[in-house]
Protein backbone atom coordinates (compact mmCIF):
# COMPACT_ATOMS: atom_id res chain seq x y z
CA MET A 1 89.08 121.34 64.15
CA TRP A 2 89.59 120.37 60.55
CA LYS A 3 89.18 117.02 59.07
CA LYS A 4 91.82 115.25 56.92
CA SER A 5 89.24 114.77 54.14
CA GLU A 6 88.94 118.51 53.80
CA LEU A 7 92.53 118.85 52.56
CA ARG A 8 91.88 117.51 49.09
CA GLU A 9 89.13 116.37 46.65
CA ALA A 10 88.33 112.76 46.17
CA PRO A 11 89.82 111.25 43.06
CA GLU A 12 87.70 110.21 40.05
CA PRO A 13 86.54 106.67 40.09
CA LEU A 14 88.63 104.30 37.97
CA GLU A 15 86.97 102.71 34.95
CA GLY A 16 88.38 99.52 33.67
CA PRO A 17 87.31 96.42 31.77
CA VAL A 18 84.33 95.84 34.08
CA VAL A 19 82.44 93.48 31.80
CA GLY A 20 85.55 91.23 31.39
CA THR A 21 86.30 91.30 35.05
CA ILE A 22 82.69 90.17 36.00
CA THR A 23 82.67 87.63 33.23
CA GLY A 24 86.02 86.10 34.36
CA GLY A 25 84.84 85.99 37.95
CA THR A 26 81.61 84.27 36.94
CA ILE A 27 83.57 81.61 34.92
CA ILE A 28 85.72 80.95 37.95
CA TRP A 29 82.67 80.46 40.18
CA PHE A 30 81.14 77.90 37.73
CA VAL A 31 84.47 76.12 37.29
CA LEU A 32 84.72 75.83 41.07
CA PHE A 33 81.17 74.48 41.16
CA LEU A 34 81.90 71.84 38.54
CA ALA A 35 85.32 70.87 40.10
CA GLN A 36 83.60 70.16 43.49
CA LEU A 37 80.71 68.07 42.13
CA PRO A 38 82.76 64.80 41.95
CA PHE A 39 83.55 65.23 45.61
CA TYR A 40 79.98 65.92 46.74
CA GLY A 41 79.91 62.78 48.90
CA TRP A 42 82.98 63.92 50.76
CA PHE A 43 81.37 67.38 51.29
CA ALA A 44 78.23 65.67 52.58
CA ASP A 45 80.15 63.47 54.99
CA HIS A 46 81.91 66.49 56.51
CA ASP A 47 78.88 68.74 56.48
CA ARG A 48 80.38 71.08 53.97
CA THR A 49 77.96 70.89 51.09
CA TRP A 50 77.38 74.62 51.43
CA TRP A 51 80.75 75.05 49.67
CA VAL A 52 79.34 73.53 46.45
CA TRP A 53 76.14 75.56 46.61
CA THR A 54 78.04 78.73 47.38
CA CYS A 55 79.99 78.33 44.15
CA LEU A 56 76.72 77.80 42.26
CA ALA A 57 75.20 80.84 43.96
CA GLY A 58 78.30 82.86 42.87
CA GLY A 59 77.97 81.80 39.39
CA GLY A 60 74.20 82.69 39.28
CA LEU A 61 74.81 86.10 40.83
CA GLY A 62 77.67 86.57 38.37
CA LEU A 63 75.14 86.16 35.51
CA LEU A 64 73.08 88.87 36.99
CA GLY A 65 76.24 90.92 37.30
CA ILE A 66 77.15 90.38 33.64
CA TRP A 67 73.69 91.52 32.61
CA TYR A 68 73.90 94.56 34.83
CA VAL A 69 77.34 95.80 33.81
CA ARG A 70 76.59 95.23 30.10
CA LYS A 71 73.52 97.49 30.38
CA ARG A 72 75.55 100.02 32.32
CA ASP A 73 78.38 99.99 29.81
CA ALA A 74 75.92 100.50 26.97
CA ALA A 75 74.25 103.42 28.87
CA ILE A 76 77.61 105.09 29.35
CA LYS A 77 78.45 104.77 25.67
CA ARG A 78 75.05 106.14 24.62
CA ALA A 79 75.44 109.13 26.95
CA ALA A 80 79.00 109.83 25.68
CA ALA A 81 77.72 109.59 22.02
CA ALA A 82 74.82 111.96 22.76
CA ARG A 83 77.15 114.35 24.46
CA ASP A 84 79.65 114.26 21.56
CA ALA A 85 76.87 114.68 18.87
CA GLY A 86 75.88 118.00 20.44
CA PRO A 87 72.35 119.51 20.88
CA THR A 88 69.56 118.10 18.75
CA PRO A 89 67.04 120.39 17.06
CA VAL A 90 64.52 119.81 19.78
CA ASP A 91 67.08 120.77 22.38
CA ALA A 92 67.90 123.98 20.51
CA VAL A 93 64.49 125.35 20.73
């Protein structure tokens, strides 16, 4: 029996403005954290303080994500520049 996945190849992954997307998401997490701080008492009364700390954790993880995608983007650009430059004298030997 054949599988449906054998009919065609998988498409290439989409590349978009990854750094901008992660940066925007991180900003949203921090804005949500700051917007909830004035209502911390209400969250504490209703046993929902985890909402506040989830937003802070999302912002912190977003900072790690920004660092990661910037390094990845730079590595992709370096690889493309090396590929376009052609072989170096060391590679030609």
